[in-house]
């Protein structure tokens, strides 16, 4: 359990440092790491037609409540738009605006790539693939715990 405690504490520290240093990498663009994650999710080809708020919350693994305020701020800043979903009027569809796409592709991505380069300095390709493998395995186990608890904060 001592090793597990050390592992989870380091994950906690990494998450905090990602928020701190990642936000610093994009703050001059008026973005935070949370906004970076939303724009990244919406930039994927499979999200070309937008994503419902619930789907976006599930993809980012955040609650709808925490995503709601973020969406409002990003709409205010002109990065995203939300409108009633034509297929389900009770649901809202979130899309990236042209301004948001420009900020993402021309401004944010180069800064994010620089950030990745610095954060992953001295990682080999093997280190990267092993780290990803183990993080995905851990995430899968944590999602199992969440399901067992009967929780779905995205509803």
N, C-alpha and C. Protein backbone atom coordinates (compact mmCIF):
# COMPACT_ATOMS: atom_id res chain seq x y z
N UNK A 1 0.82 -1.20 0.00
CA UNK A 1 0.00 0.00 0.00
C UNK A 1 0.86 1.26 0.00
N UNK A 2 2.04 1.18 0.54
CA UNK A 2 2.94 2.35 0.53
C UNK A 2 3.26 2.76 -0.90
N UNK A 3 3.53 1.79 -1.75
CA UNK A 3 3.85 2.08 -3.15
C UNK A 3 2.62 2.67 -3.86
N UNK A 4 1.46 2.12 -3.57
CA UNK A 4 0.21 2.65 -4.15
C UNK A 4 -0.01 4.09 -3.71
N UNK A 5 0.22 4.36 -2.43
CA UNK A 5 0.06 5.71 -1.91
C UNK A 5 0.99 6.67 -2.63
N UNK A 6 2.24 6.27 -2.82
CA UNK A 6 3.20 7.12 -3.52
C UNK A 6 2.77 7.36 -4.97
N UNK A 7 2.29 6.30 -5.63
CA UNK A 7 1.84 6.43 -7.02
C UNK A 7 0.69 7.43 -7.13
N UNK A 8 -0.34 7.28 -6.30
CA UNK A 8 -1.49 8.17 -6.39
C UNK A 8 -1.14 9.59 -5.98
N UNK A 9 -0.24 9.74 -5.04
CA UNK A 9 0.19 11.09 -4.67
C UNK A 9 0.93 11.74 -5.84
N UNK A 10 1.76 10.99 -6.54
CA UNK A 10 2.47 11.53 -7.71
C UNK A 10 1.49 11.87 -8.83
N UNK A 11 0.47 11.06 -9.00
CA UNK A 11 -0.56 11.39 -10.01
C UNK A 11 -1.26 12.69 -9.64
N UNK A 12 -1.56 12.85 -8.37
CA UNK A 12 -2.18 14.08 -7.88
C UNK A 12 -1.27 15.28 -8.17
N UNK A 13 0.01 15.13 -7.86
CA UNK A 13 0.96 16.21 -8.13
C UNK A 13 1.06 16.51 -9.63
N UNK A 14 1.09 15.46 -10.44
CA UNK A 14 1.15 15.65 -11.90
C UNK A 14 -0.08 16.40 -12.41
N UNK A 15 -1.25 16.02 -11.90
CA UNK A 15 -2.48 16.71 -12.32
C UNK A 15 -2.43 18.19 -11.95
N UNK A 16 -1.94 18.48 -10.76
CA UNK A 16 -1.83 19.88 -10.35
C UNK A 16 -0.82 20.64 -11.19
N UNK A 17 0.31 20.00 -11.48
CA UNK A 17 1.34 20.65 -12.29
C UNK A 17 0.88 20.81 -13.74
N UNK A 18 0.11 19.84 -14.24
CA UNK A 18 -0.46 19.97 -15.59
C UNK A 18 -1.35 21.20 -15.65
N UNK A 19 -2.19 21.36 -14.64
CA UNK A 19 -3.08 22.51 -14.61
C UNK A 19 -2.27 23.81 -14.54
N UNK A 20 -1.29 23.85 -13.66
CA UNK A 20 -0.49 25.06 -13.45
C UNK A 20 0.36 25.39 -14.68
N UNK A 21 1.19 24.45 -15.10
CA UNK A 21 2.13 24.74 -16.19
C UNK A 21 1.45 24.71 -17.56
N UNK A 22 0.43 23.86 -17.70
CA UNK A 22 -0.32 23.83 -18.96
C UNK A 22 -1.09 25.12 -19.18
N UNK A 23 -1.71 25.61 -18.11
CA UNK A 23 -2.43 26.89 -18.23
C UNK A 23 -1.47 28.02 -18.56
N UNK A 24 -0.28 27.97 -17.96
CA UNK A 24 0.71 29.01 -18.25
C UNK A 24 1.10 28.99 -19.73
N UNK A 25 1.13 27.81 -20.33
CA UNK A 25 1.52 27.69 -21.74
C UNK A 25 0.51 28.34 -22.68
N UNK A 26 -0.76 28.40 -22.27
CA UNK A 26 -1.80 28.93 -23.16
C UNK A 26 -2.52 30.15 -22.60
N UNK A 27 -2.08 30.66 -21.44
CA UNK A 27 -2.80 31.76 -20.80
C UNK A 27 -2.79 33.03 -21.63
N UNK A 28 -1.72 33.28 -22.38
CA UNK A 28 -1.69 34.50 -23.19
C UNK A 28 -2.71 34.46 -24.32
N UNK A 29 -3.27 33.27 -24.58
CA UNK A 29 -4.34 33.13 -25.56
C UNK A 29 -5.71 33.26 -24.89
N UNK A 30 -5.72 33.46 -23.57
CA UNK A 30 -6.98 33.54 -22.83
C UNK A 30 -7.57 32.18 -22.55
N UNK A 31 -6.73 31.13 -22.55
CA UNK A 31 -7.21 29.77 -22.34
C UNK A 31 -6.67 29.20 -21.03
N UNK A 32 -7.39 28.20 -20.51
CA UNK A 32 -6.94 27.39 -19.38
C UNK A 32 -6.80 25.95 -19.87
N UNK A 33 -6.28 25.07 -19.03
CA UNK A 33 -6.17 23.67 -19.44
C UNK A 33 -7.56 23.05 -19.67
N UNK A 34 -8.55 23.50 -18.90
CA UNK A 34 -9.90 22.97 -19.11
C UNK A 34 -10.44 23.39 -20.48
N UNK A 35 -10.19 24.65 -20.84
CA UNK A 35 -10.64 25.13 -22.15
C UNK A 35 -9.87 24.44 -23.27
N UNK A 36 -8.59 24.21 -23.03
CA UNK A 36 -7.77 23.47 -23.99
C UNK A 36 -8.37 22.09 -24.22
N UNK A 37 -8.81 21.42 -23.14
CA UNK A 37 -9.40 20.09 -23.27
C UNK A 37 -10.71 20.14 -24.06
N UNK A 38 -11.54 21.15 -23.82
CA UNK A 38 -12.80 21.28 -24.56
C UNK A 38 -12.52 21.51 -26.04
N UNK A 39 -11.62 22.44 -26.36
CA UNK A 39 -11.30 22.69 -27.76
C UNK A 39 -10.69 21.45 -28.41
N UNK A 40 -9.85 20.75 -27.68
CA UNK A 40 -9.26 19.51 -28.21
C UNK A 40 -10.33 18.47 -28.51
N UNK A 41 -11.29 18.32 -27.59
CA UNK A 41 -12.37 17.35 -27.80
C UNK A 41 -13.21 17.72 -29.02
N UNK A 42 -13.51 19.02 -29.16
CA UNK A 42 -14.35 19.47 -30.27
C UNK A 42 -13.61 19.50 -31.60
N UNK A 43 -12.27 19.46 -31.56
CA UNK A 43 -11.49 19.51 -32.81
C UNK A 43 -11.35 18.15 -33.47
N UNK A 44 -11.72 17.09 -32.77
CA UNK A 44 -11.60 15.74 -33.32
C UNK A 44 -12.57 15.57 -34.49
N UNK A 45 -12.16 14.84 -35.53
CA UNK A 45 -13.04 14.63 -36.69
C UNK A 45 -14.42 14.09 -36.31
N UNK A 46 -14.47 13.18 -35.34
CA UNK A 46 -15.77 12.59 -34.96
C UNK A 46 -16.67 13.58 -34.24
N UNK A 47 -16.14 14.75 -33.87
CA UNK A 47 -16.96 15.79 -33.23
C UNK A 47 -17.24 16.92 -34.20
N UNK A 48 -17.06 16.67 -35.49
CA UNK A 48 -17.25 17.71 -36.50
C UNK A 48 -18.61 18.37 -36.47
N UNK A 49 -19.65 17.61 -36.15
CA UNK A 49 -20.99 18.16 -36.08
C UNK A 49 -21.35 18.69 -34.70
N UNK A 50 -20.37 18.70 -33.80
CA UNK A 50 -20.60 19.13 -32.44
C UNK A 50 -20.81 17.96 -31.51
N UNK A 51 -20.92 18.25 -30.24
CA UNK A 51 -21.16 17.23 -29.21
C UNK A 51 -22.22 17.74 -28.25
N UNK A 52 -23.05 16.83 -27.79
CA UNK A 52 -24.00 17.22 -26.75
C UNK A 52 -23.21 17.51 -25.48
N UNK A 53 -23.80 18.30 -24.61
CA UNK A 53 -23.14 18.62 -23.34
C UNK A 53 -22.86 17.34 -22.56
N UNK A 54 -23.81 16.42 -22.55
CA UNK A 54 -23.62 15.15 -21.85
C UNK A 54 -22.49 14.33 -22.43
N UNK A 55 -22.43 14.24 -23.76
CA UNK A 55 -21.35 13.49 -24.41
C UNK A 55 -19.99 14.13 -24.13
N UNK A 56 -19.95 15.46 -24.16
CA UNK A 56 -18.71 16.18 -23.89
C UNK A 56 -18.28 15.94 -22.44
N UNK A 57 -19.22 15.98 -21.52
CA UNK A 57 -18.91 15.72 -20.10
C UNK A 57 -18.38 14.30 -19.92
N UNK A 58 -19.01 13.33 -20.57
CA UNK A 58 -18.55 11.94 -20.47
C UNK A 58 -17.17 11.78 -21.09
N UNK A 59 -16.93 12.41 -22.24
CA UNK A 59 -15.63 12.30 -22.90
C UNK A 59 -14.52 12.89 -22.04
N UNK A 60 -14.79 14.04 -21.44
CA UNK A 60 -13.79 14.71 -20.59
C UNK A 60 -13.76 14.15 -19.17
N UNK A 61 -14.76 13.32 -18.83
CA UNK A 61 -14.89 12.73 -17.50
C UNK A 61 -15.03 13.79 -16.41
N UNK A 62 -15.90 14.74 -16.68
CA UNK A 62 -16.22 15.79 -15.71
C UNK A 62 -17.73 15.81 -15.53
N UNK A 63 -18.17 16.50 -14.50
CA UNK A 63 -19.61 16.60 -14.28
C UNK A 63 -20.20 17.66 -15.21
N UNK A 64 -21.47 17.49 -15.51
CA UNK A 64 -22.16 18.49 -16.34
C UNK A 64 -22.15 19.85 -15.65
N UNK A 65 -22.23 19.83 -14.32
CA UNK A 65 -22.24 21.09 -13.58
C UNK A 65 -20.93 21.86 -13.78
N UNK A 66 -19.79 21.18 -13.66
CA UNK A 66 -18.52 21.88 -13.84
C UNK A 66 -18.32 22.30 -15.28
N UNK A 67 -18.85 21.52 -16.21
CA UNK A 67 -18.72 21.85 -17.63
C UNK A 67 -19.61 23.03 -18.00
N UNK A 68 -20.74 23.18 -17.32
CA UNK A 68 -21.69 24.24 -17.64
C UNK A 68 -21.07 25.64 -17.56
N UNK A 69 -20.40 25.92 -16.46
CA UNK A 69 -19.76 27.23 -16.31
C UNK A 69 -18.65 27.44 -17.32
N UNK A 70 -17.91 26.40 -17.61
CA UNK A 70 -16.83 26.46 -18.59
C UNK A 70 -17.38 26.77 -19.97
N UNK A 71 -18.47 26.12 -20.34
CA UNK A 71 -19.10 26.36 -21.64
C UNK A 71 -19.58 27.81 -21.73
N UNK A 72 -20.18 28.30 -20.67
CA UNK A 72 -20.65 29.69 -20.67
C UNK A 72 -19.51 30.67 -20.90
N UNK A 73 -18.39 30.46 -20.21
CA UNK A 73 -17.23 31.36 -20.38
C UNK A 73 -16.66 31.26 -21.79
N UNK A 74 -16.61 30.05 -22.32
CA UNK A 74 -16.05 29.88 -23.67
C UNK A 74 -16.97 30.45 -24.74
N UNK A 75 -18.28 30.38 -24.50
CA UNK A 75 -19.23 31.03 -25.41
C UNK A 75 -19.06 32.54 -25.37
N UNK A 76 -18.94 33.08 -24.17
CA UNK A 76 -18.74 34.52 -23.99
C UNK A 76 -17.48 34.98 -24.73
N UNK A 77 -16.42 34.15 -24.70
CA UNK A 77 -15.16 34.50 -25.36
C UNK A 77 -15.17 34.21 -26.85
N UNK A 78 -16.25 33.60 -27.35
CA UNK A 78 -16.38 33.36 -28.79
C UNK A 78 -15.69 32.12 -29.30
N UNK A 79 -15.24 31.22 -28.41
CA UNK A 79 -14.53 30.02 -28.84
C UNK A 79 -15.47 28.88 -29.24
N UNK A 80 -16.63 28.83 -28.58
CA UNK A 80 -17.60 27.78 -28.87
C UNK A 80 -18.99 28.39 -28.93
N UNK A 81 -19.91 27.60 -29.47
CA UNK A 81 -21.32 27.99 -29.49
C UNK A 81 -22.13 26.78 -29.04
N UNK A 82 -23.27 27.03 -28.44
CA UNK A 82 -24.17 25.93 -28.10
C UNK A 82 -25.57 26.32 -28.53
N UNK A 83 -26.28 25.32 -28.98
CA UNK A 83 -27.65 25.54 -29.47
C UNK A 83 -28.43 24.26 -29.20
N UNK A 84 -29.75 24.35 -29.21
CA UNK A 84 -30.55 23.12 -29.04
C UNK A 84 -30.19 22.12 -30.13
N UNK A 85 -30.09 20.86 -29.73
CA UNK A 85 -29.78 19.78 -30.66
C UNK A 85 -31.03 19.51 -31.50
N UNK A 86 -30.88 19.54 -32.80
CA UNK A 86 -32.02 19.31 -33.70
C UNK A 86 -32.64 17.94 -33.54
N UNK A 87 -31.86 16.96 -33.07
CA UNK A 87 -32.37 15.60 -32.91
C UNK A 87 -33.05 15.41 -31.55
N UNK A 88 -32.66 16.22 -30.57
CA UNK A 88 -33.22 16.11 -29.22
C UNK A 88 -33.25 17.51 -28.62
N UNK A 89 -34.39 18.16 -28.67
CA UNK A 89 -34.51 19.56 -28.26
C UNK A 89 -34.18 19.78 -26.77
N UNK A 90 -34.19 18.70 -25.96
CA UNK A 90 -33.84 18.84 -24.55
C UNK A 90 -32.33 18.95 -24.36
N UNK A 91 -31.59 18.53 -25.39
CA UNK A 91 -30.13 18.50 -25.32
C UNK A 91 -29.55 19.70 -26.06
N UNK A 92 -28.38 20.17 -25.59
CA UNK A 92 -27.68 21.27 -26.26
C UNK A 92 -26.46 20.71 -26.97
N UNK A 93 -26.23 21.20 -28.17
CA UNK A 93 -25.10 20.77 -28.99
C UNK A 93 -24.02 21.85 -28.93
N UNK A 94 -22.81 21.46 -28.59
CA UNK A 94 -21.69 22.38 -28.47
C UNK A 94 -20.79 22.22 -29.69
N UNK A 95 -20.47 23.34 -30.34
CA UNK A 95 -19.59 23.33 -31.50
C UNK A 95 -18.50 24.39 -31.34
N UNK A 96 -17.41 24.18 -32.04
CA UNK A 96 -16.34 25.17 -32.04
C UNK A 96 -16.67 26.22 -33.10
N UNK A 97 -16.52 27.48 -32.75
CA UNK A 97 -16.75 28.56 -33.71
C UNK A 97 -15.54 28.71 -34.62
N UNK A 98 -15.68 29.50 -35.67
CA UNK A 98 -14.54 29.77 -36.55
C UNK A 98 -13.42 30.44 -35.76
N UNK A 99 -13.77 31.37 -34.88
CA UNK A 99 -12.76 32.03 -34.04
C UNK A 99 -12.07 31.00 -33.15
N UNK A 100 -12.85 30.11 -32.55
CA UNK A 100 -12.29 29.06 -31.70
C UNK A 100 -11.37 28.14 -32.48
N UNK A 101 -11.77 27.80 -33.71
CA UNK A 101 -10.95 26.92 -34.55
C UNK A 101 -9.63 27.61 -34.92
N UNK A 102 -9.69 28.91 -35.17
CA UNK A 102 -8.47 29.66 -35.49
C UNK A 102 -7.55 29.69 -34.28
N UNK A 103 -8.10 30.02 -33.11
CA UNK A 103 -7.29 30.05 -31.89
C UNK A 103 -6.67 28.66 -31.65
N UNK A 104 -7.46 27.61 -31.85
CA UNK A 104 -6.98 26.26 -31.62
C UNK A 104 -5.86 25.89 -32.59
N UNK A 105 -6.13 26.00 -33.88
CA UNK A 105 -5.17 25.51 -34.88
C UNK A 105 -3.95 26.40 -35.04
N UNK A 106 -4.15 27.70 -35.06
CA UNK A 106 -3.03 28.60 -35.35
C UNK A 106 -2.26 29.02 -34.10
N UNK A 107 -2.94 29.15 -33.00
CA UNK A 107 -2.29 29.69 -31.80
C UNK A 107 -2.01 28.64 -30.73
N UNK A 108 -3.02 27.86 -30.38
CA UNK A 108 -2.88 26.94 -29.24
C UNK A 108 -2.03 25.71 -29.57
N UNK A 109 -2.28 25.07 -30.69
CA UNK A 109 -1.58 23.83 -30.99
C UNK A 109 -0.06 23.99 -30.98
N UNK A 110 0.51 25.03 -31.60
CA UNK A 110 1.97 25.17 -31.52
C UNK A 110 2.47 25.32 -30.07
N UNK A 111 1.74 26.07 -29.25
CA UNK A 111 2.13 26.23 -27.84
C UNK A 111 1.99 24.91 -27.07
N UNK A 112 0.95 24.17 -27.36
CA UNK A 112 0.72 22.89 -26.70
C UNK A 112 1.82 21.90 -27.09
N UNK A 113 2.19 21.88 -28.35
CA UNK A 113 3.26 20.99 -28.79
C UNK A 113 4.58 21.35 -28.11
N UNK A 114 4.86 22.64 -27.97
CA UNK A 114 6.05 23.07 -27.23
C UNK A 114 5.98 22.60 -25.78
N UNK A 115 4.80 22.71 -25.19
CA UNK A 115 4.61 22.26 -23.81
C UNK A 115 4.88 20.76 -23.69
N UNK A 116 4.29 19.97 -24.61
CA UNK A 116 4.52 18.53 -24.60
C UNK A 116 6.01 18.21 -24.71
N UNK A 117 6.68 18.91 -25.59
CA UNK A 117 8.11 18.68 -25.79
C UNK A 117 8.89 18.91 -24.49
N UNK A 118 8.58 19.97 -23.79
CA UNK A 118 9.26 20.24 -22.53
C UNK A 118 8.88 19.26 -21.44
N UNK A 119 7.59 18.96 -21.33
CA UNK A 119 7.12 18.06 -20.27
C UNK A 119 7.60 16.63 -20.48
N UNK A 120 7.79 16.25 -21.74
CA UNK A 120 8.18 14.87 -22.05
C UNK A 120 9.66 14.76 -22.41
N UNK A 121 10.44 15.78 -22.08
CA UNK A 121 11.88 15.74 -22.35
C UNK A 121 12.47 14.48 -21.71
N UNK A 122 13.34 13.83 -22.42
CA UNK A 122 14.04 12.62 -21.95
C UNK A 122 13.14 11.38 -21.89
N UNK A 123 11.93 11.45 -22.41
CA UNK A 123 11.09 10.25 -22.52
C UNK A 123 11.40 9.59 -23.85
N UNK A 124 11.66 8.32 -23.83
CA UNK A 124 11.84 7.57 -25.08
C UNK A 124 10.46 7.21 -25.64
N UNK A 125 10.43 6.72 -26.87
CA UNK A 125 9.17 6.26 -27.44
C UNK A 125 8.61 5.12 -26.59
N UNK A 126 9.48 4.26 -26.10
CA UNK A 126 9.05 3.16 -25.22
C UNK A 126 8.47 3.69 -23.92
N UNK A 127 9.12 4.70 -23.33
CA UNK A 127 8.60 5.31 -22.11
C UNK A 127 7.19 5.84 -22.34
N UNK A 128 7.01 6.53 -23.46
CA UNK A 128 5.69 7.11 -23.77
C UNK A 128 4.64 6.02 -23.93
N UNK A 129 4.95 4.98 -24.70
CA UNK A 129 3.94 3.95 -24.94
C UNK A 129 3.64 3.17 -23.66
N UNK A 130 4.64 2.90 -22.83
CA UNK A 130 4.39 2.20 -21.57
C UNK A 130 3.56 3.07 -20.61
N UNK A 131 3.91 4.35 -20.52
CA UNK A 131 3.15 5.25 -19.65
C UNK A 131 1.70 5.31 -20.09
N UNK A 132 1.47 5.48 -21.39
CA UNK A 132 0.10 5.51 -21.90
C UNK A 132 -0.63 4.21 -21.58
N UNK A 133 0.03 3.10 -21.80
CA UNK A 133 -0.58 1.79 -21.52
C UNK A 133 -1.04 1.70 -20.06
N UNK A 134 -0.15 2.06 -19.13
CA UNK A 134 -0.48 1.93 -17.72
C UNK A 134 -1.52 2.95 -17.27
N UNK A 135 -1.49 4.14 -17.83
CA UNK A 135 -2.52 5.13 -17.49
C UNK A 135 -3.88 4.68 -18.00
N UNK A 136 -3.94 4.11 -19.18
CA UNK A 136 -5.21 3.60 -19.71
C UNK A 136 -5.73 2.45 -18.85
N UNK A 137 -4.83 1.58 -18.40
CA UNK A 137 -5.22 0.48 -17.53
C UNK A 137 -5.76 1.00 -16.20
N UNK A 138 -5.09 1.98 -15.62
CA UNK A 138 -5.54 2.60 -14.38
C UNK A 138 -6.90 3.28 -14.57
N UNK A 139 -7.03 4.02 -15.66
CA UNK A 139 -8.29 4.70 -15.96
C UNK A 139 -9.43 3.70 -16.09
N UNK A 140 -9.18 2.60 -16.76
CA UNK A 140 -10.21 1.57 -16.93
C UNK A 140 -10.64 1.02 -15.57
N UNK A 141 -9.68 0.75 -14.70
CA UNK A 141 -10.01 0.26 -13.35
C UNK A 141 -10.81 1.30 -12.57
N UNK A 142 -10.43 2.57 -12.67
CA UNK A 142 -11.15 3.62 -11.94
C UNK A 142 -12.56 3.78 -12.48
N UNK A 143 -12.73 3.64 -13.79
CA UNK A 143 -14.08 3.70 -14.35
C UNK A 143 -14.93 2.54 -13.85
N UNK A 144 -14.31 1.39 -13.68
CA UNK A 144 -15.01 0.24 -13.10
C UNK A 144 -15.48 0.52 -11.68
N UNK A 145 -14.62 1.16 -10.89
CA UNK A 145 -15.00 1.54 -9.52
C UNK A 145 -16.16 2.52 -9.55
N UNK A 146 -16.14 3.45 -10.50
CA UNK A 146 -17.20 4.45 -10.61
C UNK A 146 -18.52 3.76 -10.96
N UNK A 147 -18.47 2.81 -11.88
CA UNK A 147 -19.69 2.07 -12.26
C UNK A 147 -20.23 1.27 -11.07
N UNK A 148 -19.33 0.63 -10.34
CA UNK A 148 -19.75 -0.15 -9.16
C UNK A 148 -20.47 0.73 -8.15
N UNK A 149 -20.00 1.96 -8.03
CA UNK A 149 -20.62 2.90 -7.08
C UNK A 149 -21.94 3.43 -7.62
N UNK A 150 -22.24 3.12 -8.89
CA UNK A 150 -23.49 3.60 -9.49
C UNK A 150 -23.52 5.07 -9.75
N UNK A 151 -22.35 5.67 -9.94
CA UNK A 151 -22.25 7.11 -10.12
C UNK A 151 -22.17 7.44 -11.60
N UNK A 152 -22.83 8.50 -11.98
CA UNK A 152 -22.68 9.09 -13.31
C UNK A 152 -22.94 10.56 -13.15
N UNK A 153 -21.88 11.29 -12.85
CA UNK A 153 -22.00 12.74 -12.60
C UNK A 153 -22.29 13.54 -13.87
N UNK A 154 -22.28 12.89 -15.03
CA UNK A 154 -22.53 13.63 -16.26
C UNK A 154 -24.01 13.79 -16.51
N UNK A 155 -24.84 13.10 -15.75
CA UNK A 155 -26.29 13.21 -15.95
C UNK A 155 -26.82 14.51 -15.41
